[in-house]
């Protein structure tokens, strides 16, 4: 069904390609059959609450801005801008980890597995690929929603669905031929071993794997009949995401011994092993190319989403006018440029830290902590809005009557997010991160800096920053203030009300 810019199918693919990144599968493959337990539990207690809450918020407040709009409506401008800024920075942190996997994929185009493994562990090679692929993703984003929607439609099929189908069917054939599984397939293996607290840190990274389901709500105005089509697309996306993660993880765990699983190389090595067994070793190179395409699609989707949300915040008067400038396709030029500069700085971490894996893990955990902060505020916002704006039309509403069901759904999501937030500061046992104390301190300092920057910007903002762009819809509380005061007095009232 064709819609005003993005179809149901297109939006579902945007969501799946934003969430279902195959580069995270090796981390869960270490847990073998018990990974299914984590996927199902996380889907029930985290992914489903995200999808349900996002559906109510996006259809009740369909104005541009996504998480900025929702949290800003609930907690006013300071917190709204802070959450959008955190989302934008989180993308800057997440992208190098995703592109690390892209670099590994490109290295494995070489049919010589040993040479490919050596090249994928080369820090300089990784940095070069991160920068080049990110530049390409940014160029695509500069062409607006048409560019990244088309990219998601075709690139998602090539870079996610086909490689996933090949991996799963290849693993089935591999198993059917008589190869013994490298993982424990007894029923007892389904229940995880919770003996060590540090050992579940990587497993809790599954929450980061599910993050992003709400992100494309910033494009909701580009979807025809969003009150109907957005919830449909988001639930289709959720089901496909769980299926992709579960089948992909088990395929890796069946073929590759646990001791040989590497966070950045395992999935590529699995493809090589399967295709070598089939007698078509060149197939591994084809799979590597497709996975690299999938990384490009994922990164493009993530670049477009939060940058669009931050643009809405800029137009609302939370950033200087220079940050509000767009090209003829509506892409925020300066925002994307600053984002690119941050990516370059973070890429240097791959040289400073002991190994690519260590750099990958610390950025992954920082990204998780920042994104979990967003979810904590999102779950809080949907509850507050039920009471602060009870008469707001909600085409998709959690519970037909009363607020009990909302409290259950959002409350469960909030508790899971809060628990994950604190656990993510614990260094994982599986990776050499150098000094555990330094590792944790570095994470804490990085998080505090990210929290502080938007608050400092907000404190020194000027009334003249606010745009009269008709594309920006004022918050409900701003509209009430503007109706009761002159423009000059309204600016002062806004400040007093938000403080």
Protein backbone atom coordinates (compact mmCIF):
# COMPACT_ATOMS: atom_id res chain seq x y z
CA UNK A 1 0.00 0.00 0.00
CA UNK A 2 1.51 3.25 -1.09
CA UNK A 3 1.37 6.13 1.37
CA UNK A 4 2.34 9.79 1.55
CA UNK A 5 6.08 9.13 1.52
CA UNK A 6 6.45 5.96 3.60
CA UNK A 7 4.24 2.84 3.35
CA UNK A 8 3.36 0.40 6.13
CA UNK A 9 5.85 -2.03 4.62
CA UNK A 10 8.45 0.72 4.27
CA UNK A 11 7.99 1.86 7.87
CA UNK A 12 8.20 -1.74 9.11
CA UNK A 13 11.45 -2.19 7.19
CA UNK A 14 12.78 1.09 8.59
CA UNK A 15 12.09 -0.24 12.08
CA UNK A 16 13.52 -3.70 11.44
CA UNK A 17 16.68 -2.38 9.82
CA UNK A 18 17.10 0.11 12.67
CA UNK A 19 16.73 -2.62 15.31
CA UNK A 20 17.65 -5.99 13.77
CA UNK A 21 21.37 -5.49 13.35
CA UNK A 22 23.09 -8.87 12.94
CA UNK A 23 26.36 -7.60 14.42
CA UNK A 24 25.04 -8.17 17.96
CA UNK A 25 24.21 -11.84 17.49
CA UNK A 26 27.66 -13.24 18.47
CA UNK A 27 27.39 -11.67 21.94
CA UNK A 28 24.24 -13.69 22.61
CA UNK A 29 25.50 -16.82 20.80
CA UNK A 30 27.90 -17.34 23.72
CA UNK A 31 24.84 -18.30 25.77
CA UNK A 32 23.72 -20.98 23.32
CA UNK A 33 20.19 -22.27 23.79
CA UNK A 34 19.68 -20.07 26.85
CA UNK A 35 19.80 -17.03 24.54
CA UNK A 36 16.22 -17.92 23.59
CA UNK A 37 15.25 -17.35 27.22
CA UNK A 38 16.81 -13.88 27.11
CA UNK A 39 15.19 -12.99 23.78
CA UNK A 40 11.71 -14.06 24.84
CA UNK A 41 11.87 -12.51 28.31
CA UNK A 42 13.34 -9.26 26.95
CA UNK A 43 10.69 -9.16 24.21
CA UNK A 44 7.84 -9.62 26.70
CA UNK A 45 9.13 -7.25 29.37
CA UNK A 46 10.96 -4.69 27.23
CA UNK A 47 10.30 -4.79 23.48
CA UNK A 48 6.51 -5.16 23.81
CA UNK A 49 6.24 -2.29 26.36
CA UNK A 50 8.35 -0.11 24.05
CA UNK A 51 6.13 -0.92 21.07
CA UNK A 52 2.88 -0.36 22.99
CA UNK A 53 3.99 2.87 24.65
CA UNK A 54 5.47 4.24 21.43
CA UNK A 55 2.23 3.46 19.60
CA UNK A 56 0.16 5.47 22.10
CA UNK A 57 2.60 8.39 22.18
CA UNK A 58 3.17 8.56 18.42
CA UNK A 59 -0.54 8.46 17.55
CA UNK A 60 -1.55 10.78 20.38
CA UNK A 61 1.19 13.32 19.62
CA UNK A 62 1.92 12.86 15.89
CA UNK A 63 3.73 16.20 15.57
CA UNK A 64 7.36 16.01 14.47
CA UNK A 65 10.00 15.36 17.09
CA UNK A 66 9.41 11.83 18.35
CA UNK A 67 10.87 11.33 21.82
CA UNK A 68 11.56 15.09 22.06
CA UNK A 69 7.86 15.77 21.56
CA UNK A 70 6.63 13.12 24.00
CA UNK A 71 8.97 13.86 26.89
CA UNK A 72 8.73 17.61 26.30
CA UNK A 73 4.93 17.45 26.53
CA UNK A 74 5.20 15.59 29.85
CA UNK A 75 8.14 17.30 31.57
CA UNK A 76 8.52 20.63 29.70
CA UNK A 77 11.35 21.94 27.56
CA UNK A 78 14.46 21.26 29.62
CA UNK A 79 13.89 17.52 29.93
CA UNK A 80 12.50 17.28 26.40
CA UNK A 81 15.62 18.83 24.92
CA UNK A 82 17.86 16.76 27.19
CA UNK A 83 16.32 13.46 26.07
CA UNK A 84 16.56 14.42 22.40
CA UNK A 85 20.18 15.48 22.81
CA UNK A 86 20.97 12.19 24.57
CA UNK A 87 19.32 10.29 21.69
CA UNK A 88 21.45 12.16 19.19
CA UNK A 89 24.68 11.57 21.13
CA UNK A 90 23.74 7.91 21.59
CA UNK A 91 23.65 7.57 17.83
CA UNK A 92 27.12 9.11 17.62
CA UNK A 93 28.33 6.49 20.11
CA UNK A 94 26.43 3.59 18.55
CA UNK A 95 27.48 4.18 14.96
CA UNK A 96 31.19 3.28 15.42
CA UNK A 97 30.14 -0.06 16.96
CA UNK A 98 27.83 -0.83 14.05
CA UNK A 99 30.44 0.26 11.53
CA UNK A 100 33.06 -1.90 13.23
CA UNK A 101 30.96 -4.84 12.15
CA UNK A 102 30.78 -3.33 8.68
CA UNK A 103 34.58 -3.13 8.58
CA UNK A 104 34.82 -6.77 9.64
CA UNK A 105 32.33 -7.71 6.92
CA UNK A 106 34.39 -5.95 4.26
CA UNK A 107 37.56 -7.62 5.52
CA UNK A 108 35.90 -11.01 5.07
CA UNK A 109 35.34 -10.40 1.39
CA UNK A 110 38.83 -11.90 1.20
CA UNK A 111 38.23 -15.66 0.69
CA UNK A 112 41.31 -16.45 2.82
CA UNK A 113 39.77 -16.70 6.28
CA UNK A 114 43.05 -16.22 8.17
CA UNK A 115 43.97 -13.11 6.21
CA UNK A 116 40.43 -11.77 6.67
CA UNK A 117 40.58 -12.31 10.45
CA UNK A 118 43.93 -10.50 10.63
CA UNK A 119 42.68 -7.55 8.58
CA UNK A 120 39.46 -7.25 10.63
CA UNK A 121 41.56 -6.87 13.78
CA UNK A 122 43.64 -4.05 12.29
CA UNK A 123 42.69 -0.80 14.07
CA UNK A 124 43.69 1.48 11.19
CA UNK A 125 41.63 -0.53 8.71
CA UNK A 126 38.62 -0.38 11.03
CA UNK A 127 38.88 3.40 11.43
CA UNK A 128 39.13 3.97 7.67
CA UNK A 129 36.05 1.86 6.98
CA UNK A 130 34.09 3.52 9.80
CA UNK A 131 34.75 6.95 8.32
CA UNK A 132 34.14 6.04 4.67
CA UNK A 133 30.89 4.13 5.26
CA UNK A 134 29.61 6.76 7.66
CA UNK A 135 30.29 9.45 5.06
CA UNK A 136 28.25 7.46 2.54
CA UNK A 137 25.37 7.08 5.05
CA UNK A 138 25.40 10.83 5.67
CA UNK A 139 25.27 11.60 1.95
CA UNK A 140 22.20 9.37 1.61
CA UNK A 141 20.58 11.11 4.60
CA UNK A 142 21.12 14.50 2.94
CA UNK A 143 18.60 13.44 0.29
CA UNK A 144 15.81 13.38 2.91
CA UNK A 145 13.17 10.75 3.71
CA UNK A 146 12.94 9.54 0.11
CA UNK A 147 16.59 8.56 0.17
CA UNK A 148 16.67 6.57 3.39
CA UNK A 149 13.18 5.04 2.92
CA UNK A 150 14.27 3.61 -0.44
CA UNK A 151 17.54 2.48 1.11
CA UNK A 152 15.69 0.68 3.89
CA UNK A 153 13.29 -1.01 1.47
CA UNK A 154 15.95 -2.59 -0.73
CA UNK A 155 18.97 -2.56 1.54
CA UNK A 156 17.01 -4.18 4.36
CA UNK A 157 16.14 -7.12 2.12
CA UNK A 158 19.70 -7.47 0.81
CA UNK A 159 21.55 -6.75 4.04
CA UNK A 160 19.28 -8.29 6.70
CA UNK A 161 16.60 -10.68 5.44
CA UNK A 162 18.56 -12.57 2.78
CA UNK A 163 21.73 -13.03 4.91
CA UNK A 164 19.54 -14.14 7.83
CA UNK A 165 17.70 -16.69 5.68
CA UNK A 166 20.99 -17.98 4.25
CA UNK A 167 22.52 -18.30 7.71
CA UNK A 168 19.54 -20.15 9.16
CA UNK A 169 18.96 -22.50 6.22
CA UNK A 170 22.70 -23.17 5.98
CA UNK A 171 22.85 -24.04 9.68
CA UNK A 172 19.87 -26.41 9.29
CA UNK A 173 21.57 -28.18 6.37
CA UNK A 174 24.82 -28.30 8.35
CA UNK A 175 23.04 -29.90 11.30
CA UNK A 176 21.01 -32.29 9.13
CA UNK A 177 24.22 -33.62 7.56
CA UNK A 178 25.22 -35.06 10.93
CA UNK A 179 27.43 -32.34 12.41
CA UNK A 180 27.16 -32.37 16.17
CA UNK A 181 26.00 -29.06 17.68
CA UNK A 182 28.67 -26.95 19.36
CA UNK A 183 26.14 -25.85 21.98
CA UNK A 184 24.30 -27.79 24.66
CA UNK A 185 20.88 -28.70 23.22
CA UNK A 186 19.40 -30.30 26.32
CA UNK A 187 16.23 -28.82 27.81
CA UNK A 188 18.18 -27.74 30.88
CA UNK A 189 20.32 -25.48 28.73
CA UNK A 190 17.34 -23.23 28.04
CA UNK A 191 17.52 -21.80 31.58
CA UNK A 192 20.53 -19.46 31.94
CA UNK A 193 23.23 -19.76 34.59
CA UNK A 194 22.84 -16.76 36.88
CA UNK A 195 25.79 -17.71 39.10
CA UNK A 196 27.97 -14.70 38.23
CA UNK A 197 26.66 -11.16 38.07
CA UNK A 198 29.35 -10.01 35.65
CA UNK A 199 28.54 -12.79 33.20
CA UNK A 200 25.05 -11.45 32.51
CA UNK A 201 26.24 -8.00 31.43
CA UNK A 202 26.65 -9.06 27.81
CA UNK A 203 23.31 -10.86 27.97
CA UNK A 204 21.60 -7.69 29.15
CA UNK A 205 22.98 -6.03 26.05
CA UNK A 206 19.90 -7.58 24.46
CA UNK A 207 17.98 -4.52 25.61
CA UNK A 208 20.24 -2.43 23.38
CA UNK A 209 19.53 -4.86 20.55
CA UNK A 210 15.82 -4.09 20.91
CA UNK A 211 16.39 -0.34 21.17
CA UNK A 212 15.18 1.86 18.35
CA UNK A 213 11.68 0.52 17.77
CA UNK A 214 10.26 3.95 18.55
CA UNK A 215 12.93 5.94 16.71
CA UNK A 216 11.20 6.28 13.35
CA UNK A 217 8.22 7.95 14.99
CA UNK A 218 9.98 11.21 14.05
CA UNK A 219 8.83 10.47 10.48
CA UNK A 220 5.21 9.84 11.45
CA UNK A 221 3.93 12.88 9.51
CA UNK A 222 5.32 11.30 6.35
CA UNK A 223 3.08 8.25 6.86
CA UNK A 224 -0.47 8.22 5.53
CA UNK A 225 -3.12 7.62 8.22
CA UNK A 226 -0.48 7.27 10.98
CA UNK A 227 -3.00 6.54 13.75
CA UNK A 228 -3.77 3.24 12.02
CA UNK A 229 -0.64 2.42 10.06
CA UNK A 230 2.02 3.23 12.68
CA UNK A 231 0.84 0.65 15.28
CA UNK A 232 0.47 -1.99 12.55
CA UNK A 233 4.00 -1.36 11.28
CA UNK A 234 5.55 -1.35 14.74
CA UNK A 235 4.03 -4.70 15.75
CA UNK A 236 5.06 -6.31 12.47
CA UNK A 237 8.55 -4.98 13.13
CA UNK A 238 8.62 -6.36 16.69
CA UNK A 239 7.67 -9.88 15.58
CA UNK A 240 10.19 -9.95 12.75
CA UNK A 241 12.95 -8.62 15.02
CA UNK A 242 12.52 -11.35 17.64
CA UNK A 243 12.44 -14.03 14.94
CA UNK A 244 15.59 -12.73 13.23
CA UNK A 245 17.54 -12.49 16.48
CA UNK A 246 16.55 -15.93 17.76
CA UNK A 247 17.21 -17.85 14.54
CA UNK A 248 20.47 -16.05 13.82
CA UNK A 249 21.89 -16.56 17.30
CA UNK A 250 21.11 -20.29 17.35
CA UNK A 251 22.65 -20.71 13.91
CA UNK A 252 25.96 -19.27 15.12
CA UNK A 253 25.90 -21.22 18.39
CA UNK A 254 25.24 -24.50 16.56
CA UNK A 255 28.18 -24.13 14.14
CA UNK A 256 30.84 -22.31 16.19
CA UNK A 257 32.42 -23.50 19.48
CA UNK A 258 31.78 -21.11 22.36
CA UNK A 259 35.50 -20.60 22.99
CA UNK A 260 35.99 -19.37 19.41
CA UNK A 261 33.17 -16.81 19.41
CA UNK A 262 34.50 -13.30 18.78
CA UNK A 263 32.15 -10.34 19.11
CA UNK A 264 33.17 -8.77 15.82
CA UNK A 265 34.05 -11.81 13.67
CA UNK A 266 31.93 -14.77 14.76
CA UNK A 267 29.05 -14.37 12.34
CA UNK A 268 31.41 -14.02 9.35
CA UNK A 269 33.42 -17.07 10.42
CA UNK A 270 30.13 -19.01 10.71
CA UNK A 271 29.29 -18.16 7.11
CA UNK A 272 32.77 -19.24 6.02
CA UNK A 273 32.48 -22.57 7.85
CA UNK A 274 29.05 -23.32 6.36
CA UNK A 275 30.04 -22.40 2.81
CA UNK A 276 33.33 -24.34 3.09
CA UNK A 277 31.32 -27.39 4.10
CA UNK A 278 29.03 -26.83 1.08
CA UNK A 279 32.05 -26.68 -1.21
CA UNK A 280 31.44 -23.08 -2.28
CA UNK A 281 34.00 -21.08 -0.25
CA UNK A 282 33.34 -17.97 -2.34
CA UNK A 283 29.88 -17.83 -0.75
CA UNK A 284 31.44 -16.34 2.37
CA UNK A 285 32.58 -13.33 0.38
CA UNK A 286 29.06 -12.79 -0.98
CA UNK A 287 27.63 -12.99 2.55
CA UNK A 288 30.20 -10.45 3.74
CA UNK A 289 29.15 -8.00 1.03
CA UNK A 290 25.46 -8.39 1.93
CA UNK A 291 26.18 -7.85 5.64
CA UNK A 292 28.14 -4.71 4.80
CA UNK A 293 25.08 -3.44 2.91
CA UNK A 294 22.98 -4.20 6.00
CA UNK A 295 25.32 -2.11 8.15
CA UNK A 296 25.04 0.81 5.73
CA UNK A 297 21.23 0.60 5.87
CA UNK A 298 21.21 0.45 9.68
CA UNK A 299 23.58 3.39 10.03
CA UNK A 300 21.62 5.48 7.50
CA UNK A 301 18.40 4.84 9.42
CA UNK A 302 20.01 5.83 12.72
CA UNK A 303 21.65 8.92 11.25
CA UNK A 304 18.30 10.13 9.88
CA UNK A 305 16.10 9.52 12.94
CA UNK A 306 17.65 11.40 15.90
CA UNK A 307 19.08 14.15 13.68
CA UNK A 308 15.51 14.90 12.55
CA UNK A 309 14.36 14.95 16.17
CA UNK A 310 17.17 17.29 17.19
CA UNK A 311 16.20 19.57 14.32
CA UNK A 312 12.71 19.82 15.82
CA UNK A 313 14.32 20.77 19.14
CA UNK A 314 16.43 23.41 17.42
CA UNK A 315 13.36 24.95 15.79
CA UNK A 316 11.71 25.02 19.21
CA UNK A 317 14.38 27.44 20.40
CA UNK A 318 16.75 25.06 22.19
CA UNK A 319 19.66 25.51 19.79
CA UNK A 320 20.99 28.56 17.89
CA UNK A 321 19.45 29.41 14.47
CA UNK A 322 22.47 27.99 12.64
CA UNK A 323 21.45 24.54 13.86
CA UNK A 324 18.04 24.93 12.23
CA UNK A 325 19.37 25.22 8.69
CA UNK A 326 18.38 22.51 6.23
CA UNK A 327 19.09 21.76 2.59
CA UNK A 328 16.41 21.59 -0.10
CA UNK A 329 15.53 18.04 1.00
CA UNK A 330 14.90 19.13 4.60
CA UNK A 331 18.05 17.46 5.98
CA UNK A 332 19.73 19.30 8.93
CA UNK A 333 23.11 20.21 7.48
CA UNK A 334 24.94 21.54 10.57
CA UNK A 335 23.57 18.83 12.85
CA UNK A 336 24.84 16.14 10.49
CA UNK A 337 28.20 17.94 10.21
CA UNK A 338 28.73 18.13 13.99
CA UNK A 339 27.64 14.50 14.27
CA UNK A 340 30.30 13.56 11.73
CA UNK A 341 32.99 15.36 13.78
CA UNK A 342 31.99 13.43 16.92
CA UNK A 343 32.15 10.15 15.01
CA UNK A 344 35.73 10.94 13.95
CA UNK A 345 36.78 11.57 17.55
CA UNK A 346 35.14 8.38 18.82
CA UNK A 347 36.75 6.34 16.05
CA UNK A 348 40.14 7.19 17.57
CA UNK A 349 39.15 5.07 20.58
CA UNK A 350 39.81 2.05 18.40
CA UNK A 351 43.50 2.98 18.47
CA UNK A 352 43.73 4.05 22.12
CA UNK A 353 42.03 1.06 23.74
CA UNK A 354 43.79 -2.34 23.95
CA UNK A 355 41.83 -3.99 21.17
CA UNK A 356 39.00 -3.53 18.72
CA UNK A 357 36.86 -5.75 20.94
CA UNK A 358 37.51 -3.59 24.03
CA UNK A 359 36.68 -0.39 22.13
CA UNK A 360 33.62 -2.06 20.65
CA UNK A 361 32.37 -3.13 24.08
CA UNK A 362 32.86 0.16 25.92
CA UNK A 363 31.09 2.11 23.18
CA UNK A 364 28.34 -0.51 23.10
CA UNK A 365 27.78 -0.20 26.85
CA UNK A 366 27.86 3.60 26.75
CA UNK A 367 25.29 3.55 23.94
CA UNK A 368 23.11 1.19 25.99
CA UNK A 369 23.27 3.40 29.09
CA UNK A 370 22.31 6.48 27.09
CA UNK A 371 19.48 4.75 25.28
CA UNK A 372 18.15 3.22 28.49
CA UNK A 373 18.02 6.74 29.93
CA UNK A 374 15.73 7.66 27.04
CA UNK A 375 13.42 4.72 27.77
CA UNK A 376 13.25 5.53 31.47
CA UNK A 377 12.02 9.01 30.54
CA UNK A 378 9.69 7.69 27.82
CA UNK A 379 7.94 5.26 30.17
CA UNK A 380 7.65 8.02 32.77
CA UNK A 381 6.27 10.45 30.18
CA UNK A 382 3.43 8.22 28.98
CA UNK A 383 2.18 7.84 32.57
CA UNK A 384 2.45 11.54 33.36
CA UNK A 385 0.60 12.51 30.17
CA UNK A 386 -2.36 10.33 31.13
CA UNK A 387 -2.88 12.64 34.08
CA UNK A 388 -1.63 16.00 32.73
CA UNK A 389 -3.49 15.67 29.39
CA UNK A 390 -6.30 13.17 30.09
CA UNK A 391 -8.57 14.51 27.33
CA UNK A 392 -5.97 14.31 24.57
CA UNK A 393 -7.29 12.08 21.72
CA UNK A 394 -5.39 8.79 21.73
CA UNK A 395 -6.33 6.71 18.66
CA UNK A 396 -4.19 3.91 20.10
CA UNK A 397 -4.71 3.68 23.85
CA UNK A 398 -3.35 1.19 26.38
CA UNK A 399 -6.52 0.00 28.07
CA UNK A 400 -10.02 1.05 27.04
CA UNK A 401 -10.88 2.41 30.48
CA UNK A 402 -8.77 3.70 33.34
CA UNK A 403 -4.99 3.74 33.62
CA UNK A 404 -4.31 0.35 35.25
CA UNK A 405 -3.10 -1.42 32.11
CA UNK A 406 -0.85 1.52 31.27
CA UNK A 407 0.75 1.36 34.71
CA UNK A 408 1.46 -2.36 34.24
CA UNK A 409 2.97 -2.02 30.76
CA UNK A 410 4.95 1.17 31.34
CA UNK A 411 5.86 0.12 34.89
CA UNK A 412 7.38 -3.18 33.75
CA UNK A 413 9.31 -1.42 30.99
CA UNK A 414 10.55 1.20 33.46
CA UNK A 415 11.79 -1.40 35.97
CA UNK A 416 13.62 -3.42 33.30
CA UNK A 417 15.20 -0.25 31.94
CA UNK A 418 16.27 0.93 35.41
CA UNK A 419 17.84 -2.44 36.26
CA UNK A 420 19.69 -2.56 32.95
CA UNK A 421 20.92 1.01 33.45
CA UNK A 422 22.86 0.12 36.62
CA UNK A 423 24.06 -3.29 35.43
CA UNK A 424 25.61 -1.78 32.29
CA UNK A 425 28.26 -0.04 34.42
CA UNK A 426 29.71 -3.46 35.32
CA UNK A 427 32.59 -4.56 33.01
CA UNK A 428 31.82 -7.87 31.25
CA UNK A 429 33.87 -10.91 32.29
CA UNK A 430 34.20 -12.16 28.73
CA UNK A 431 36.35 -9.30 27.40
CA UNK A 432 39.73 -7.92 28.45
CA UNK A 433 38.98 -4.25 29.11
CA UNK A 434 42.18 -3.47 30.99
CA UNK A 435 41.51 -2.01 34.44
CA UNK A 436 37.87 -2.72 35.45
CA UNK A 437 37.90 0.33 37.75
CA UNK A 438 39.16 2.65 34.99
CA UNK A 439 36.63 1.14 32.61
CA UNK A 440 33.72 1.89 34.96
CA UNK A 441 34.99 5.37 35.84
CA UNK A 442 35.33 6.18 32.13
CA UNK A 443 31.73 5.12 31.56
CA UNK A 444 30.44 7.19 34.49
CA UNK A 445 32.32 10.31 33.40
CA UNK A 446 31.15 9.95 29.80
CA UNK A 447 27.51 9.59 30.87
CA UNK A 448 27.69 12.62 33.20
CA UNK A 449 29.23 14.75 30.46
CA UNK A 450 26.46 13.81 28.05
CA UNK A 451 23.84 14.66 30.70
CA UNK A 452 25.46 18.01 31.48
CA UNK A 453 25.88 19.42 27.96
CA UNK A 454 22.15 19.84 27.07
CA UNK A 455 21.43 21.35 30.48
CA UNK A 456 24.19 23.92 29.98
CA UNK A 457 22.89 24.77 26.50
CA UNK A 458 19.36 25.06 27.85
CA UNK A 459 20.46 27.35 30.68
CA UNK A 460 22.04 29.84 28.28
CA UNK A 461 19.48 29.66 25.45
CA UNK A 462 18.02 32.89 24.09
CA UNK A 463 14.40 33.76 23.16
CA UNK A 464 15.64 34.78 19.70
CA UNK A 465 16.58 31.18 18.97
CA UNK A 466 12.94 30.17 18.64
CA UNK A 467 11.90 29.66 15.02
CA UNK A 468 8.62 30.66 13.41
CA UNK A 469 8.94 27.72 11.05
CA UNK A 470 5.41 26.37 10.38
CA UNK A 471 6.94 22.89 10.28
CA UNK A 472 7.45 23.09 14.06
CA UNK A 473 4.35 22.63 16.23
CA UNK A 474 4.63 24.24 19.68
CA UNK A 475 4.07 22.09 22.75
CA UNK A 476 0.57 22.11 24.26
CA UNK A 477 1.78 24.10 27.28
CA UNK A 478 3.46 26.61 24.93
CA UNK A 479 0.23 27.13 23.04
CA UNK A 480 -1.62 27.90 26.27
CA UNK A 481 1.06 30.40 27.26
CA UNK A 482 1.11 32.09 23.84
CA UNK A 483 -2.66 32.47 23.88
CA UNK A 484 -2.49 34.39 27.17
CA UNK A 485 0.51 36.65 26.56
CA UNK A 486 2.34 38.76 24.02
CA UNK A 487 5.33 37.17 22.26
CA UNK A 488 7.83 38.87 24.58
CA UNK A 489 5.90 38.04 27.74
CA UNK A 490 5.31 34.50 26.50
CA UNK A 491 9.04 33.88 26.22
CA UNK A 492 9.49 34.94 29.84
CA UNK A 493 6.49 32.86 30.92
CA UNK A 494 7.88 29.82 29.13
CA UNK A 495 11.13 30.15 31.03
CA UNK A 496 9.41 30.58 34.37
CA UNK A 497 7.01 27.71 33.74
CA UNK A 498 9.74 25.29 32.66
CA UNK A 499 11.98 26.16 35.58
